[in-house]
Amino acid sequence: MTPDTLKSRALPKTVLGLDIGGSKTRGILWVDGEVAADASAGSANVQNVSVETAREHLAALCGALDSPRPDVVFAGAGGVDTDDDAAALRALISPFVPGAKVTVVHDTRLLLAAGGASTGVAVIAGTGSAAWGTNADGAEARAGGWGYLLGDEGSGYWLGREAVRHSLHRMDLGAVPDELTLGLLRYCRLEQPGELIAHFHQGTTRRYWAAASPVVIAAAANGHAGALAMVDRAGADLAAMAHQVAVQLGVAGPIVLGSGLGSNVPALQAAFRRHLAARGLGDVRILDQDPIFGVPRLVADGAAADAG
């Protein structure tokens, strides 16, 4: 969506978009439809950090954006599953943007809009995973997004954890460490597979294990059978979520895949497309920009709805 298009759709003069992920928070300030400032700080998602840390990161972000005074703030974040979740995050953001109208949604909505679609299915494959969609009637559906203790299949965390399980299983069998295990040990700065057990349970975080996913991707690129199977399973699980939402809404697409893994790992994208094609869904888009760039479309759509 170009600045001229944004202006024609009655975008408020000053808009602050926030994409609050598990690892970082990105903020972009649009003035008259054009990017005026762009900055990042640590995660402000209270599912990943304390409320105090989230406030510190929001303060750092607003400082980097030169203390913006937006008319509207539109924030997308993982874990916004209820009105209470949205209200809590809105209360956290509001003191930093006095007088602004603050809207908080699940981050999958940003992704679909950034893919240039108002209807369809968005699939996040990043630190966590989730699918969300909407149809022309305004109905909504979602799949996954339950968090790493209950799901997050196909996510960076899931791949990191599966690499640990693979390595420990080989240890139990008495097999020597293979390429995937050796890569994981290097990442963790450990000497033996057995050390992974305590390391996993003591002092590491969801983000830490999500950041281990490139070890799996690299091993798969080298033809490691176990890593290849993990990447294929990740694509299959993400495709299953997308298909579930598409069926519930009665839509055939577009299905937009994005976030860190989804936008940047060709092997995962290929598996995702393949498994969706087997389910009869071929209208797949790989997001080629950050989800935060969906904010102007969402704000403009909201302004148009309010005017109507």
C-alpha atoms as a PDB file:
ATOM      1  CA  MET A   1       0.000   0.000   0.000  1.00  0.00           C
ATOM      2  CA  THR A   2       1.627   3.249  -1.161  1.00  0.00           C
ATOM      3  CA  PRO A   3       1.546   6.532   0.790  1.00  0.00           C
ATOM      4  CA  ASP A   4      -0.894   8.012  -1.752  1.00  0.00           C
ATOM      5  CA  THR A   5      -3.194   5.033  -1.286  1.00  0.00           C
ATOM      6  CA  LEU A   6      -2.964   5.417   2.473  1.00  0.00           C
ATOM      7  CA  LYS A   7      -3.894   9.086   2.287  1.00  0.00           C
ATOM      8  CA  SER A   8      -6.859   8.314   0.067  1.00  0.00           C
ATOM      9  CA  ARG A   9      -8.080   5.822   2.671  1.00  0.00           C
ATOM     10  CA  ALA A  10      -8.163   8.451   5.434  1.00  0.00           C
ATOM     11  CA  LEU A  11      -5.188   7.239   7.436  1.00  0.00           C
ATOM     12  CA  PRO A  12      -4.740   9.348  10.590  1.00  0.00           C
ATOM     13  CA  LYS A  13      -1.917  11.883  10.350  1.00  0.00           C
ATOM     14  CA  THR A  14       0.433  10.108  12.785  1.00  0.00           C
ATOM     15  CA  VAL A  15       0.356   6.328  13.294  1.00  0.00           C
ATOM     16  CA  LEU A  16       2.642   4.234  15.480  1.00  0.00           C
ATOM     17  CA  GLY A  17       2.776   0.551  14.618  1.00  0.00           C
ATOM     18  CA  LEU A  18       4.171  -1.965  17.077  1.00  0.00           C
ATOM     19  CA  ASP A  19       5.090  -5.582  16.371  1.00  0.00           C
ATOM     20  CA  ILE A  20       5.674  -7.150  19.788  1.00  0.00           C
ATOM     21  CA  GLY A  21       7.399 -10.466  19.256  1.00  0.00           C
ATOM     22  CA  GLY A  22       8.914 -13.043  21.539  1.00  0.00           C
ATOM     23  CA  SER A  23      12.436 -11.759  20.929  1.00  0.00           C
ATOM     24  CA  LYS A  24      12.064  -8.089  20.061  1.00  0.00           C
ATOM     25  CA  THR A  25       9.649  -5.193  19.666  1.00  0.00           C
ATOM     26  CA  ARG A  26       9.735  -3.142  16.481  1.00  0.00           C
ATOM     27  CA  GLY A  27       8.099   0.249  16.172  1.00  0.00           C
ATOM     28  CA  ILE A  28       7.477   2.315  13.046  1.00  0.00           C
ATOM     29  CA  LEU A  29       6.077   5.838  13.067  1.00  0.00           C
ATOM     30  CA  TRP A  30       4.141   6.861   9.961  1.00  0.00           C
ATOM     31  CA  VAL A  31       3.440  10.556   9.364  1.00  0.00           C
ATOM     32  CA  ASP A  32       1.082  11.368   6.489  1.00  0.00           C
ATOM     33  CA  GLY A  33       1.478   7.795   5.274  1.00  0.00           C
ATOM     34  CA  GLU A  34       5.275   7.875   5.105  1.00  0.00           C
ATOM     35  CA  VAL A  35       7.782   6.214   7.449  1.00  0.00           C
ATOM     36  CA  ALA A  36       9.216   8.901   9.729  1.00  0.00           C
ATOM     37  CA  ALA A  37      11.029   6.679  12.256  1.00  0.00           C
ATOM     38  CA  ASP A  38      11.852   2.997  12.681  1.00  0.00           C
ATOM     39  CA  ALA A  39      13.430   1.394  15.755  1.00  0.00           C
ATOM     40  CA  SER A  40      13.618  -1.836  17.710  1.00  0.00           C
ATOM     41  CA  ALA A  41      14.046  -2.811  21.353  1.00  0.00           C
ATOM     42  CA  GLY A  42      13.723  -5.952  23.438  1.00  0.00           C
ATOM     43  CA  SER A  43      10.498  -7.913  23.737  1.00  0.00           C
ATOM     44  CA  ALA A  44       7.582  -6.206  25.470  1.00  0.00           C
ATOM     45  CA  ASN A  45       5.504  -9.376  25.449  1.00  0.00           C
ATOM     46  CA  VAL A  46       4.688 -10.246  29.051  1.00  0.00           C
ATOM     47  CA  GLN A  47       4.486 -13.927  28.114  1.00  0.00           C
ATOM     48  CA  ASN A  48       8.235 -13.771  27.559  1.00  0.00           C
ATOM     49  CA  VAL A  49       9.465 -11.062  29.932  1.00  0.00           C
ATOM     50  CA  SER A  50       8.331  -9.516  33.194  1.00  0.00           C
ATOM     51  CA  VAL A  51       6.007  -6.513  33.195  1.00  0.00           C
ATOM     52  CA  GLU A  52       8.855  -4.377  34.494  1.00  0.00           C
ATOM     53  CA  THR A  53      11.157  -5.489  31.681  1.00  0.00           C
ATOM     54  CA  ALA A  54       8.387  -4.928  29.129  1.00  0.00           C
ATOM     55  CA  ARG A  55       8.007  -1.344  30.366  1.00  0.00           C
ATOM     56  CA  GLU A  56      11.762  -0.803  30.141  1.00  0.00           C
ATOM     57  CA  HIS A  57      11.804  -2.053  26.566  1.00  0.00           C
ATOM     58  CA  LEU A  58       8.830   0.122  25.578  1.00  0.00           C
ATOM     59  CA  ALA A  59      10.537   3.123  27.133  1.00  0.00           C
ATOM     60  CA  ALA A  60      13.723   2.367  25.189  1.00  0.00           C
ATOM     61  CA  LEU A  61      11.756   1.981  21.962  1.00  0.00           C
ATOM     62  CA  CYS A  62       9.880   5.254  22.395  1.00  0.00           C
ATOM     63  CA  GLY A  63      13.162   6.977  23.195  1.00  0.00           C
ATOM     64  CA  ALA A  64      14.686   5.596  20.001  1.00  0.00           C
ATOM     65  CA  LEU A  65      11.633   6.868  18.102  1.00  0.00           C
ATOM     66  CA  ASP A  66      12.242  10.349  19.609  1.00  0.00           C
ATOM     67  CA  SER A  67       9.230  10.178  21.968  1.00  0.00           C
ATOM     68  CA  PRO A  68       6.483   9.954  19.322  1.00  0.00           C
ATOM     69  CA  ARG A  69       3.104  11.573  19.871  1.00  0.00           C
ATOM     70  CA  PRO A  70       0.897   9.487  17.584  1.00  0.00           C
ATOM     71  CA  ASP A  71      -2.805   9.925  16.996  1.00  0.00           C
ATOM     72  CA  VAL A  72      -3.212   6.165  16.736  1.00  0.00           C
ATOM     73  CA  VAL A  73      -1.211   3.182  18.002  1.00  0.00           C
ATOM     74  CA  PHE A  74      -1.822  -0.231  16.447  1.00  0.00           C
ATOM     75  CA  ALA A  75       0.004  -3.100  18.114  1.00  0.00           C
ATOM     76  CA  GLY A  76       0.194  -6.767  17.212  1.00  0.00           C
ATOM     77  CA  ALA A  77       1.490  -9.309  19.714  1.00  0.00           C
ATOM     78  CA  GLY A  78       1.514 -13.037  20.269  1.00  0.00           C
ATOM     79  CA  GLY A  79      -0.593 -14.321  23.138  1.00  0.00           C
ATOM     80  CA  VAL A  80      -3.409 -11.794  22.690  1.00  0.00           C
ATOM     81  CA  ASP A  81      -6.147 -14.385  22.937  1.00  0.00           C
ATOM     82  CA  THR A  82      -8.844 -12.624  24.990  1.00  0.00           C
ATOM     83  CA  ASP A  83     -10.197  -9.136  25.557  1.00  0.00           C
ATOM     84  CA  ASP A  84      -8.417  -9.152  28.919  1.00  0.00           C
ATOM     85  CA  ASP A  85      -5.083  -9.915  27.191  1.00  0.00           C
ATOM     86  CA  ALA A  86      -5.611  -6.972  24.842  1.00  0.00           C
ATOM     87  CA  ALA A  87      -6.657  -4.673  27.692  1.00  0.00           C
ATOM     88  CA  ALA A  88      -3.566  -5.560  29.737  1.00  0.00           C
ATOM     89  CA  LEU A  89      -1.194  -4.802  26.859  1.00  0.00           C
ATOM     90  CA  ARG A  90      -3.105  -1.636  26.004  1.00  0.00           C
ATOM     91  CA  ALA A  91      -2.680  -0.463  29.604  1.00  0.00           C
ATOM     92  CA  LEU A  92       1.046  -1.174  29.369  1.00  0.00           C
ATOM     93  CA  ILE A  93       1.448   0.839  26.147  1.00  0.00           C
ATOM     94  CA  SER A  94      -0.867   3.783  26.865  1.00  0.00           C
ATOM     95  CA  PRO A  95       1.357   5.707  29.334  1.00  0.00           C
ATOM     96  CA  PHE A  96       4.012   6.010  26.625  1.00  0.00           C
ATOM     97  CA  VAL A  97       1.586   7.491  24.052  1.00  0.00           C
ATOM     98  CA  PRO A  98      -0.679   9.904  25.969  1.00  0.00           C
ATOM     99  CA  GLY A  99      -3.854  10.831  24.125  1.00  0.00           C
ATOM    100  CA  ALA A 100      -3.466   8.200  21.420  1.00  0.00           C
ATOM    101  CA  LYS A 101      -6.108   5.648  20.497  1.00  0.00           C
ATOM    102  CA  VAL A 102      -4.454   2.269  21.187  1.00  0.00           C
ATOM    103  CA  THR A 103      -5.600  -0.932  19.464  1.00  0.00           C
ATOM    104  CA  VAL A 104      -4.096  -4.336  20.304  1.00  0.00           C
ATOM    105  CA  VAL A 105      -4.579  -7.477  18.209  1.00  0.00           C
ATOM    106  CA  HIS A 106      -2.996 -10.888  17.771  1.00  0.00           C
ATOM    107  CA  ASP A 107       0.091 -10.545  15.579  1.00  0.00           C
ATOM    108  CA  THR A 108      -1.268 -12.859  12.885  1.00  0.00           C
ATOM    109  CA  ARG A 109      -3.523  -9.975  11.799  1.00  0.00           C
ATOM    110  CA  LEU A 110      -0.496  -7.869  10.972  1.00  0.00           C
ATOM    111  CA  LEU A 111       0.909 -10.689   8.879  1.00  0.00           C
ATOM    112  CA  LEU A 112      -2.196 -11.131   6.706  1.00  0.00           C
ATOM    113  CA  ALA A 113      -2.422  -7.399   6.062  1.00  0.00           C
ATOM    114  CA  ALA A 114       1.297  -7.186   5.263  1.00  0.00           C
ATOM    115  CA  GLY A 115       0.675  -9.905   2.671  1.00  0.00           C
ATOM    116  CA  GLY A 116      -1.692  -7.521   0.912  1.00  0.00           C
ATOM    117  CA  ALA A 117      -4.870  -9.341   1.896  1.00  0.00           C
ATOM    118  CA  SER A 118      -7.958  -8.367   3.866  1.00  0.00           C
ATOM    119  CA  THR A 119      -9.301 -11.924   3.890  1.00  0.00           C
ATOM    120  CA  GLY A 120      -7.536 -15.286   3.954  1.00  0.00           C
ATOM    121  CA  VAL A 121      -5.262 -17.112   6.386  1.00  0.00           C
ATOM    122  CA  ALA A 122      -2.060 -15.918   8.041  1.00  0.00           C
ATOM    123  CA  VAL A 123       0.467 -18.393   9.440  1.00  0.00           C
ATOM    124  CA  ILE A 124       3.227 -17.372  11.822  1.00  0.00           C
ATOM    125  CA  ALA A 125       6.349 -19.510  11.951  1.00  0.00           C
ATOM    126  CA  GLY A 126       8.797 -17.760  14.238  1.00  0.00           C
ATOM    127  CA  THR A 127       9.726 -18.222  17.872  1.00  0.00           C
ATOM    128  CA  GLY A 128       6.206 -19.652  18.178  1.00  0.00           C
ATOM    129  CA  SER A 129       3.530 -20.597  15.657  1.00  0.00           C
ATOM    130  CA  ALA A 130      -0.136 -19.844  15.013  1.00  0.00           C
ATOM    131  CA  ALA A 131      -2.682 -19.495  12.229  1.00  0.00           C
ATOM    132  CA  TRP A 132      -5.518 -16.986  12.005  1.00  0.00           C
ATOM    133  CA  GLY A 133      -7.913 -16.039   9.269  1.00  0.00           C
ATOM    134  CA  THR A 134     -10.983 -14.085   8.311  1.00  0.00           C
ATOM    135  CA  ASN A 135     -13.468 -14.247   5.433  1.00  0.00           C
ATOM    136  CA  ALA A 136     -15.572 -11.749   3.519  1.00  0.00           C
ATOM    137  CA  ASP A 137     -18.383 -12.034   6.067  1.00  0.00           C
ATOM    138  CA  GLY A 138     -16.069 -10.989   8.880  1.00  0.00           C
ATOM    139  CA  ALA A 139     -15.979 -14.431  10.507  1.00  0.00           C
ATOM    140  CA  GLU A 140     -12.689 -15.343  12.168  1.00  0.00           C
ATOM    141  CA  ALA A 141     -10.963 -18.611  13.059  1.00  0.00           C
ATOM    142  CA  ARG A 142      -7.613 -19.604  14.511  1.00  0.00           C
ATOM    143  CA  ALA A 143      -5.478 -22.667  15.097  1.00  0.00           C
ATOM    144  CA  GLY A 144      -2.540 -23.117  17.435  1.00  0.00           C
ATOM    145  CA  GLY A 145      -0.884 -20.192  19.151  1.00  0.00           C
ATOM    146  CA  TRP A 146      -1.238 -21.965  22.484  1.00  0.00           C
ATOM    147  CA  GLY A 147       2.324 -21.341  23.598  1.00  0.00           C
ATOM    148  CA  TYR A 148       5.354 -23.584  23.765  1.00  0.00           C
ATOM    149  CA  LEU A 149       4.144 -25.741  26.664  1.00  0.00           C
ATOM    150  CA  LEU A 150       0.996 -26.744  24.784  1.00  0.00           C
ATOM    151  CA  GLY A 151       1.968 -26.555  21.129  1.00  0.00           C
ATOM    152  CA  ASP A 152       3.928 -24.190  18.854  1.00  0.00           C
ATOM    153  CA  GLU A 153       4.485 -26.993  16.355  1.00  0.00           C
ATOM    154  CA  GLY A 154       6.584 -25.931  13.385  1.00  0.00           C
ATOM    155  CA  SER A 155       8.129 -23.032  15.281  1.00  0.00           C
ATOM    156  CA  GLY A 156      11.746 -22.172  15.988  1.00  0.00           C
ATOM    157  CA  TYR A 157      11.324 -23.400  19.549  1.00  0.00           C
ATOM    158  CA  TRP A 158       9.843 -26.679  18.317  1.00  0.00           C
ATOM    159  CA  LEU A 159      12.806 -27.264  15.982  1.00  0.00           C
ATOM    160  CA  GLY A 160      15.295 -26.509  18.759  1.00  0.00           C
ATOM    161  CA  ARG A 161      13.561 -28.865  21.161  1.00  0.00           C
ATOM    162  CA  GLU A 162      13.352 -31.619  18.546  1.00  0.00           C
ATOM    163  CA  ALA A 163      17.099 -31.311  17.991  1.00  0.00           C
ATOM    164  CA  VAL A 164      17.626 -31.865  21.720  1.00  0.00           C
ATOM    165  CA  ARG A 165      15.319 -34.893  21.686  1.00  0.00           C
ATOM    166  CA  HIS A 166      17.116 -36.316  18.656  1.00  0.00           C
ATOM    167  CA  SER A 167      20.479 -35.934  20.381  1.00  0.00           C
ATOM    168  CA  LEU A 168      19.326 -37.495  23.634  1.00  0.00           C
ATOM    169  CA  HIS A 169      17.692 -40.412  21.840  1.00  0.00           C
ATOM    170  CA  ARG A 170      20.955 -41.169  20.042  1.00  0.00           C
ATOM    171  CA  MET A 171      22.766 -40.964  23.388  1.00  0.00           C
ATOM    172  CA  ASP A 172      20.355 -43.504  24.881  1.00  0.00           C
ATOM    173  CA  LEU A 173      21.066 -45.826  21.952  1.00  0.00           C
ATOM    174  CA  GLY A 174      24.800 -45.509  22.511  1.00  0.00           C
ATOM    175  CA  ALA A 175      25.315 -43.900  19.115  1.00  0.00           C
ATOM    176  CA  VAL A 176      28.102 -41.407  18.564  1.00  0.00           C
ATOM    177  CA  PRO A 177      27.064 -37.743  18.183  1.00  0.00           C
ATOM    178  CA  ASP A 178      26.128 -36.983  14.581  1.00  0.00           C
ATOM    179  CA  GLU A 179      26.296 -33.702  12.665  1.00  0.00           C
ATOM    180  CA  LEU A 180      23.071 -32.357  14.181  1.00  0.00           C
ATOM    181  CA  THR A 181      24.111 -33.195  17.740  1.00  0.00           C
ATOM    182  CA  LEU A 182      27.576 -31.723  17.266  1.00  0.00           C
ATOM    183  CA  GLY A 183      26.086 -28.518  15.903  1.00  0.00           C
ATOM    184  CA  LEU A 184      23.712 -28.314  18.838  1.00  0.00           C
ATOM    185  CA  LEU A 185      26.507 -28.883  21.348  1.00  0.00           C
ATOM    186  CA  ARG A 186      28.519 -26.087  19.735  1.00  0.00           C
ATOM    187  CA  TYR A 187      25.548 -23.764  19.974  1.00  0.00           C
ATOM    188  CA  CYS A 188      25.030 -24.645  23.642  1.00  0.00           C
ATOM    189  CA  ARG A 189      28.784 -24.634  24.407  1.00  0.00           C
ATOM    190  CA  LEU A 190      28.544 -28.107  25.900  1.00  0.00           C
ATOM    191  CA  GLU A 191      30.832 -31.107  25.601  1.00  0.00           C
ATOM    192  CA  GLN A 192      28.528 -34.137  25.878  1.00  0.00           C
ATOM    193  CA  PRO A 193      24.909 -34.877  24.845  1.00  0.00           C
ATOM    194  CA  GLY A 194      24.021 -35.836  28.413  1.00  0.00           C
ATOM    195  CA  GLU A 195      24.641 -32.244  29.495  1.00  0.00           C
ATOM    196  CA  LEU A 196      21.680 -31.167  27.355  1.00  0.00           C
ATOM    197  CA  ILE A 197      19.186 -32.491  29.899  1.00  0.00           C
ATOM    198  CA  ALA A 198      20.122 -30.150  32.719  1.00  0.00           C
ATOM    199  CA  HIS A 199      20.885 -27.338  30.279  1.00  0.00           C
ATOM    200  CA  PHE A 200      17.399 -27.567  28.788  1.00  0.00           C
ATOM    201  CA  HIS A 201      15.628 -27.502  32.154  1.00  0.00           C
ATOM    202  CA  GLN A 202      17.795 -25.024  34.009  1.00  0.00           C
ATOM    203  CA  GLY A 203      18.237 -21.406  33.032  1.00  0.00           C
ATOM    204  CA  THR A 204      17.418 -21.489  29.330  1.00  0.00           C
ATOM    205  CA  THR A 205      14.426 -19.839  27.724  1.00  0.00           C
ATOM    206  CA  ARG A 206      11.997 -20.389  24.896  1.00  0.00           C
ATOM    207  CA  ARG A 207      13.862 -17.778  22.855  1.00  0.00           C
ATOM    208  CA  TYR A 208      17.184 -19.522  23.499  1.00  0.00           C
ATOM    209  CA  TRP A 209      15.947 -22.787  21.986  1.00  0.00           C
ATOM    210  CA  ALA A 210      14.183 -21.004  19.130  1.00  0.00           C
ATOM    211  CA  ALA A 211      17.542 -19.421  18.316  1.00  0.00           C
ATOM    212  CA  ALA A 212      18.965 -22.957  17.980  1.00  0.00           C
ATOM    213  CA  SER A 213      16.725 -23.663  14.964  1.00  0.00           C
ATOM    214  CA  PRO A 214      19.405 -22.595  12.428  1.00  0.00           C
ATOM    215  CA  VAL A 215      21.394 -25.640  13.606  1.00  0.00           C
ATOM    216  CA  VAL A 216      18.578 -27.840  12.306  1.00  0.00           C
ATOM    217  CA  ILE A 217      18.210 -25.841   9.093  1.00  0.00           C
ATOM    218  CA  ALA A 218      21.957 -26.089   8.391  1.00  0.00           C
ATOM    219  CA  ALA A 219      22.006 -29.834   9.002  1.00  0.00           C
ATOM    220  CA  ALA A 220      18.998 -30.288   6.710  1.00  0.00           C
ATOM    221  CA  ALA A 221      20.779 -28.295   3.992  1.00  0.00           C
ATOM    222  CA  ASN A 222      23.651 -30.770   4.295  1.00  0.00           C
ATOM    223  CA  GLY A 223      21.284 -33.690   3.790  1.00  0.00           C
ATOM    224  CA  HIS A 224      21.000 -34.886   7.402  1.00  0.00           C
ATOM    225  CA  ALA A 225      18.028 -37.257   7.345  1.00  0.00           C
ATOM    226  CA  GLY A 226      16.793 -36.423  10.837  1.00  0.00           C
ATOM    227  CA  ALA A 227      16.961 -32.685  10.263  1.00  0.00           C
ATOM    228  CA  LEU A 228      15.236 -33.039   6.901  1.00  0.00           C
ATOM    229  CA  ALA A 229      12.431 -34.957   8.612  1.00  0.00           C
ATOM    230  CA  MET A 230      12.081 -32.211  11.241  1.00  0.00           C
ATOM    231  CA  VAL A 231      11.792 -29.472   8.628  1.00  0.00           C
ATOM    232  CA  ASP A 232       9.247 -31.511   6.672  1.00  0.00           C
ATOM    233  CA  ARG A 233       7.242 -32.170   9.847  1.00  0.00           C
ATOM    234  CA  ALA A 234       7.329 -28.455  10.672  1.00  0.00           C
ATOM    235  CA  GLY A 235       5.939 -27.656   7.216  1.00  0.00           C
ATOM    236  CA  ALA A 236       3.266 -30.326   7.601  1.00  0.00           C
ATOM    237  CA  ASP A 237       2.153 -29.051  11.010  1.00  0.00           C
ATOM    238  CA  LEU A 238       1.976 -25.445   9.822  1.00  0.00           C
ATOM    239  CA  ALA A 239       0.031 -26.539   6.738  1.00  0.00           C
ATOM    240  CA  ALA A 240      -2.412 -28.483   8.929  1.00  0.00           C
ATOM    241  CA  MET A 241      -3.119 -25.338  10.970  1.00  0.00           C
ATOM    242  CA  ALA A 242      -3.631 -23.268   7.830  1.00  0.00           C
ATOM    243  CA  HIS A 243      -5.931 -25.893   6.321  1.00  0.00           C
ATOM    244  CA  GLN A 244      -8.011 -26.092   9.495  1.00  0.00           C
ATOM    245  CA  VAL A 245      -8.618 -22.343   9.474  1.00  0.00           C
ATOM    246  CA  ALA A 246      -9.321 -22.255   5.735  1.00  0.00           C
ATOM    247  CA  VAL A 247     -11.925 -25.016   6.045  1.00  0.00           C
ATOM    248  CA  GLN A 248     -13.615 -23.347   9.013  1.00  0.00           C
ATOM    249  CA  LEU A 249     -13.904 -20.078   7.091  1.00  0.00           C
ATOM    250  CA  GLY A 250     -14.692 -21.573   3.700  1.00  0.00           C
ATOM    251  CA  VAL A 251     -11.803 -19.797   1.961  1.00  0.00           C
ATOM    252  CA  ALA A 252      -9.252 -21.119  -0.512  1.00  0.00           C
ATOM    253  CA  GLY A 253      -6.684 -18.426   0.167  1.00  0.00           C
ATOM    254  CA  PRO A 254      -4.583 -16.526   0.085  1.00  0.00           C
ATOM    255  CA  ILE A 255      -2.537 -18.263   2.754  1.00  0.00           C
ATOM    256  CA  VAL A 256       0.296 -16.008   3.891  1.00  0.00           C
ATOM    257  CA  LEU A 257       3.332 -17.552   5.601  1.00  0.00           C
ATOM    258  CA  GLY A 258       5.648 -15.264   7.493  1.00  0.00           C
ATOM    259  CA  SER A 259       7.738 -14.387  10.551  1.00  0.00           C
ATOM    260  CA  GLY A 260      11.371 -15.395  11.085  1.00  0.00           C
ATOM    261  CA  LEU A 261      11.312 -18.994   9.853  1.00  0.00           C
ATOM    262  CA  GLY A 262       8.357 -18.618   7.520  1.00  0.00           C
ATOM    263  CA  SER A 263       9.856 -15.744   5.549  1.00  0.00           C
ATOM    264  CA  ASN A 264      13.468 -16.871   5.496  1.00  0.00           C
ATOM    265  CA  VAL A 265      13.797 -20.668   5.268  1.00  0.00           C
ATOM    266  CA  PRO A 266      13.190 -21.956   1.714  1.00  0.00           C
ATOM    267  CA  ALA A 267      13.136 -25.612   2.805  1.00  0.00           C
ATOM    268  CA  LEU A 268      10.332 -24.901   5.269  1.00  0.00           C
ATOM    269  CA  GLN A 269       8.451 -22.865   2.670  1.00  0.00           C
ATOM    270  CA  ALA A 270       8.713 -25.726   0.173  1.00  0.00           C
ATOM    271  CA  ALA A 271       7.417 -28.250   2.707  1.00  0.00           C
ATOM    272  CA  PHE A 272       4.565 -25.909   3.637  1.00  0.00           C
ATOM    273  CA  ARG A 273       3.545 -25.459   0.005  1.00  0.00           C
ATOM    274  CA  ARG A 274       3.810 -29.174  -0.680  1.00  0.00           C
ATOM    275  CA  HIS A 275       1.628 -30.209   2.241  1.00  0.00           C
ATOM    276  CA  LEU A 276      -0.968 -27.537   1.466  1.00  0.00           C
ATOM    277  CA  ALA A 277      -1.076 -28.602  -2.181  1.00  0.00           C
ATOM    278  CA  ALA A 278      -1.796 -32.151  -1.026  1.00  0.00           C
ATOM    279  CA  ARG A 279      -4.817 -30.697   0.798  1.00  0.00           C
ATOM    280  CA  GLY A 280      -5.988 -28.819  -2.296  1.00  0.00           C
ATOM    281  CA  LEU A 281      -4.760 -25.355  -1.344  1.00  0.00           C
ATOM    282  CA  GLY A 282      -2.419 -23.684  -3.803  1.00  0.00           C
ATOM    283  CA  ASP A 283      -2.819 -19.930  -3.222  1.00  0.00           C
ATOM    284  CA  VAL A 284       0.209 -19.488  -0.950  1.00  0.00           C
ATOM    285  CA  ARG A 285       2.182 -16.283  -0.428  1.00  0.00           C
ATOM    286  CA  ILE A 286       5.504 -16.023   1.362  1.00  0.00           C
ATOM    287  CA  LEU A 287       5.696 -12.724   3.193  1.00  0.00           C
ATOM    288  CA  ASP A 288       8.627 -10.684   1.898  1.00  0.00           C
ATOM    289  CA  GLN A 289       8.412  -7.864   4.421  1.00  0.00           C
ATOM    290  CA  ASP A 290       8.007  -7.630   8.181  1.00  0.00           C
ATOM    291  CA  PRO A 291       4.427  -8.011   9.482  1.00  0.00           C
ATOM    292  CA  ILE A 292       4.516  -4.510  10.956  1.00  0.00           C
ATOM    293  CA  PHE A 293       4.022  -3.151   7.437  1.00  0.00           C
ATOM    294  CA  GLY A 294       0.464  -4.453   7.647  1.00  0.00           C
ATOM    295  CA  VAL A 295      -0.369  -1.763  10.214  1.00  0.00           C
ATOM    296  CA  PRO A 296      -1.297   1.006   7.725  1.00  0.00           C
ATOM    297  CA  ARG A 297      -3.785  -1.274   5.942  1.00  0.00           C
ATOM    298  CA  LEU A 298      -5.388  -2.293   9.244  1.00  0.00           C
ATOM    299  CA  VAL A 299      -5.589   1.281  10.508  1.00  0.00           C
ATOM    300  CA  ALA A 300      -7.020   2.502   7.204  1.00  0.00           C
ATOM    301  CA  ASP A 301      -9.569  -0.332   7.172  1.00  0.00           C
ATOM    302  CA  GLY A 302     -10.571   0.570  10.733  1.00  0.00           C
ATOM    303  CA  ALA A 303     -10.895   4.248   9.891  1.00  0.00           C
ATOM    304  CA  ALA A 304     -13.042   3.409   6.864  1.00  0.00           C
ATOM    305  CA  ALA A 305     -15.276   1.179   9.006  1.00  0.00           C
ATOM    306  CA  ASP A 306     -15.644   3.918  11.624  1.00  0.00           C
ATOM    307  CA  ALA A 307     -16.564   6.444   8.922  1.00  0.00           C
ATOM    308  CA  GLY A 308     -19.123   4.040   7.509  1.00  0.00           C
END
